[in-house]
N, C-alpha and C. Protein backbone atom coordinates (compact mmCIF):
# COMPACT_ATOMS: atom_id res chain seq x y z
N UNK A 1 -3.13 56.76 39.40
CA UNK A 1 -2.67 55.79 40.35
C UNK A 1 -3.16 54.41 39.93
N UNK A 2 -2.29 53.62 39.45
CA UNK A 2 -2.67 52.35 38.88
C UNK A 2 -2.80 51.21 39.89
N UNK A 3 -2.30 51.36 41.11
CA UNK A 3 -2.33 50.27 42.08
C UNK A 3 -3.01 50.71 43.37
N UNK A 4 -4.17 51.33 43.28
CA UNK A 4 -4.87 51.79 44.47
C UNK A 4 -5.17 50.60 45.37
N UNK A 5 -4.86 50.74 46.65
CA UNK A 5 -5.09 49.67 47.61
C UNK A 5 -6.05 50.15 48.68
N UNK A 6 -6.83 49.22 49.18
CA UNK A 6 -7.83 49.56 50.18
C UNK A 6 -7.17 49.79 51.54
N UNK A 7 -7.43 50.94 52.17
CA UNK A 7 -6.86 51.20 53.49
C UNK A 7 -7.66 50.50 54.58
N UNK A 8 -7.12 50.53 55.77
CA UNK A 8 -7.85 50.00 56.91
C UNK A 8 -9.05 50.90 57.17
N UNK A 9 -10.21 50.31 57.31
CA UNK A 9 -11.41 51.08 57.62
C UNK A 9 -11.54 51.10 59.13
N UNK A 10 -11.51 52.27 59.72
CA UNK A 10 -11.55 52.38 61.17
C UNK A 10 -12.93 52.02 61.68
N UNK A 11 -13.95 52.68 61.17
CA UNK A 11 -15.33 52.36 61.53
C UNK A 11 -16.27 53.02 60.54
N UNK A 12 -17.29 52.31 60.17
CA UNK A 12 -18.25 52.86 59.22
C UNK A 12 -17.58 53.34 57.96
N UNK A 13 -17.64 54.63 57.70
CA UNK A 13 -17.04 55.22 56.50
C UNK A 13 -15.84 56.10 56.88
N UNK A 14 -15.15 55.75 57.95
CA UNK A 14 -13.97 56.49 58.38
C UNK A 14 -12.72 55.67 58.04
N UNK A 15 -11.79 56.28 57.31
CA UNK A 15 -10.58 55.60 56.85
C UNK A 15 -9.34 56.36 57.31
N UNK A 16 -8.30 55.64 57.63
CA UNK A 16 -6.99 56.23 57.86
C UNK A 16 -6.12 55.83 56.68
N UNK A 17 -5.60 56.83 55.97
CA UNK A 17 -4.78 56.55 54.79
C UNK A 17 -3.33 56.90 55.09
N UNK A 18 -2.42 56.07 54.57
CA UNK A 18 -0.99 56.23 54.84
C UNK A 18 -0.18 56.58 53.60
N UNK A 19 -0.79 56.43 52.41
CA UNK A 19 -0.05 56.69 51.18
C UNK A 19 -1.01 57.09 50.07
N UNK A 20 -0.46 57.45 48.93
CA UNK A 20 -1.26 57.90 47.80
C UNK A 20 -2.18 56.83 47.24
N UNK A 21 -1.76 55.58 47.32
CA UNK A 21 -2.59 54.48 46.81
C UNK A 21 -3.86 54.33 47.64
N UNK A 22 -3.71 54.40 48.95
CA UNK A 22 -4.88 54.30 49.82
C UNK A 22 -5.77 55.52 49.67
N UNK A 23 -5.17 56.70 49.55
CA UNK A 23 -5.94 57.93 49.33
C UNK A 23 -6.76 57.83 48.06
N UNK A 24 -6.14 57.36 46.98
CA UNK A 24 -6.84 57.22 45.71
C UNK A 24 -8.00 56.24 45.84
N UNK A 25 -7.78 55.14 46.54
CA UNK A 25 -8.84 54.15 46.69
C UNK A 25 -10.09 54.78 47.32
N UNK A 26 -9.90 55.52 48.41
CA UNK A 26 -11.06 56.11 49.10
C UNK A 26 -11.67 57.22 48.26
N UNK A 27 -10.86 58.11 47.71
CA UNK A 27 -11.40 59.23 46.93
C UNK A 27 -12.21 58.79 45.72
N UNK A 28 -11.79 57.71 45.07
CA UNK A 28 -12.47 57.28 43.85
C UNK A 28 -13.54 56.22 44.07
N UNK A 29 -13.60 55.64 45.29
CA UNK A 29 -14.59 54.59 45.55
C UNK A 29 -15.66 54.97 46.57
N UNK A 30 -15.41 56.00 47.36
CA UNK A 30 -16.38 56.44 48.36
C UNK A 30 -16.84 57.85 48.00
N UNK A 31 -18.10 58.00 47.67
CA UNK A 31 -18.60 59.32 47.27
C UNK A 31 -19.61 59.88 48.25
N UNK A 32 -19.93 59.15 49.31
CA UNK A 32 -20.92 59.62 50.28
C UNK A 32 -20.40 60.79 51.10
N UNK A 33 -21.28 61.69 51.45
CA UNK A 33 -20.90 62.87 52.23
C UNK A 33 -20.45 62.51 53.64
N UNK A 34 -20.80 61.32 54.12
CA UNK A 34 -20.40 60.93 55.48
C UNK A 34 -19.06 60.19 55.52
N UNK A 35 -18.35 60.14 54.41
CA UNK A 35 -17.03 59.52 54.37
C UNK A 35 -16.00 60.46 54.99
N UNK A 36 -15.17 59.93 55.87
CA UNK A 36 -14.12 60.70 56.53
C UNK A 36 -12.78 60.04 56.25
N UNK A 37 -11.83 60.85 55.82
CA UNK A 37 -10.47 60.39 55.61
C UNK A 37 -9.57 61.07 56.63
N UNK A 38 -8.83 60.27 57.39
CA UNK A 38 -7.82 60.77 58.31
C UNK A 38 -6.45 60.46 57.73
N UNK A 39 -5.61 61.49 57.58
CA UNK A 39 -4.25 61.22 57.13
C UNK A 39 -3.47 60.61 58.28
N UNK A 40 -2.75 59.52 57.99
CA UNK A 40 -1.96 58.85 59.02
C UNK A 40 -0.48 59.16 58.88
N UNK A 41 -0.15 60.04 57.95
CA UNK A 41 1.23 60.46 57.70
C UNK A 41 1.24 61.40 56.52
N UNK A 42 2.38 62.02 56.27
CA UNK A 42 2.51 62.87 55.09
C UNK A 42 2.42 62.01 53.84
N UNK A 43 1.75 62.52 52.80
CA UNK A 43 1.57 61.77 51.57
C UNK A 43 2.16 62.56 50.42
N UNK A 44 3.17 62.00 49.78
CA UNK A 44 3.85 62.61 48.65
C UNK A 44 3.28 62.03 47.36
N UNK A 45 2.63 62.86 46.56
CA UNK A 45 2.03 62.41 45.31
C UNK A 45 2.91 62.75 44.11
N UNK A 46 4.16 63.13 44.33
CA UNK A 46 5.04 63.58 43.27
C UNK A 46 5.37 62.56 42.20
N UNK A 47 5.22 61.29 42.50
CA UNK A 47 5.59 60.26 41.53
C UNK A 47 4.46 59.94 40.56
N UNK A 48 3.31 60.58 40.71
CA UNK A 48 2.15 60.24 39.90
C UNK A 48 1.42 61.49 39.42
N UNK A 49 0.81 61.40 38.25
CA UNK A 49 -0.12 62.45 37.81
C UNK A 49 -1.44 62.19 38.53
N UNK A 50 -2.03 63.22 39.08
CA UNK A 50 -3.23 63.09 39.89
C UNK A 50 -4.44 63.58 39.12
N UNK A 51 -5.47 62.76 39.04
CA UNK A 51 -6.73 63.15 38.41
C UNK A 51 -7.68 63.54 39.54
N UNK A 52 -8.19 64.77 39.54
CA UNK A 52 -9.06 65.21 40.63
C UNK A 52 -10.26 64.29 40.83
N UNK A 53 -10.61 64.09 42.09
CA UNK A 53 -11.75 63.24 42.45
C UNK A 53 -12.98 64.14 42.61
N UNK A 54 -13.61 64.45 41.51
CA UNK A 54 -14.73 65.40 41.52
C UNK A 54 -15.94 64.89 42.28
N UNK A 55 -16.11 63.58 42.41
CA UNK A 55 -17.30 63.04 43.06
C UNK A 55 -17.16 62.89 44.57
N UNK A 56 -15.97 63.08 45.12
CA UNK A 56 -15.79 62.92 46.56
C UNK A 56 -16.46 64.07 47.29
N UNK A 57 -17.33 63.75 48.26
CA UNK A 57 -18.07 64.78 49.00
C UNK A 57 -17.78 64.73 50.49
N UNK A 58 -16.87 63.86 50.90
CA UNK A 58 -16.59 63.69 52.32
C UNK A 58 -15.64 64.74 52.86
N UNK A 59 -15.00 64.40 53.97
CA UNK A 59 -14.10 65.30 54.69
C UNK A 59 -12.73 64.64 54.80
N UNK A 60 -11.67 65.44 54.63
CA UNK A 60 -10.31 64.97 54.85
C UNK A 60 -9.75 65.75 56.03
N UNK A 61 -9.33 65.02 57.07
CA UNK A 61 -8.67 65.62 58.23
C UNK A 61 -7.18 65.37 58.11
N UNK A 62 -6.39 66.43 58.13
CA UNK A 62 -4.96 66.32 57.96
C UNK A 62 -4.22 65.80 59.18
N UNK A 63 -4.76 66.05 60.37
CA UNK A 63 -4.11 65.60 61.61
C UNK A 63 -2.64 66.02 61.66
N UNK A 64 -2.36 67.25 61.24
CA UNK A 64 -1.02 67.83 61.20
C UNK A 64 -0.11 67.21 60.13
N UNK A 65 -0.69 66.42 59.23
CA UNK A 65 0.06 65.86 58.11
C UNK A 65 -0.35 66.61 56.84
N UNK A 66 0.38 66.39 55.76
CA UNK A 66 0.11 67.11 54.51
C UNK A 66 0.11 66.16 53.32
N UNK A 67 -0.63 66.58 52.29
CA UNK A 67 -0.57 65.95 50.97
C UNK A 67 0.21 66.94 50.12
N UNK A 68 1.33 66.52 49.55
CA UNK A 68 2.17 67.47 48.82
C UNK A 68 2.68 66.89 47.50
N UNK A 69 3.26 67.77 46.69
CA UNK A 69 3.75 67.45 45.34
C UNK A 69 2.62 66.90 44.46
N UNK A 70 1.50 67.59 44.48
CA UNK A 70 0.35 67.16 43.67
C UNK A 70 0.51 67.68 42.25
N UNK A 71 0.58 66.78 41.29
CA UNK A 71 0.66 67.12 39.87
C UNK A 71 -0.70 66.78 39.25
N UNK A 72 -1.50 67.80 39.00
CA UNK A 72 -2.85 67.57 38.47
C UNK A 72 -2.77 67.30 36.98
N UNK A 73 -3.43 66.22 36.57
CA UNK A 73 -3.46 65.78 35.18
C UNK A 73 -4.65 66.37 34.48
């Protein structure tokens, strides 16, 4: 993901992400275990090769949304 953008930070280390760019920003820049990602919609990663974020230790809450079409590089 070459254009990762910073999502709105709800409070502290809690983020709501709406797209793959925002998801990438949090996964690759926040490594603390107290980081929380809330999906704000379905996220289609089909247009990009995805490099796993091995250092992310936080929690992702789907909120009935999904991350789909993940192509792992």
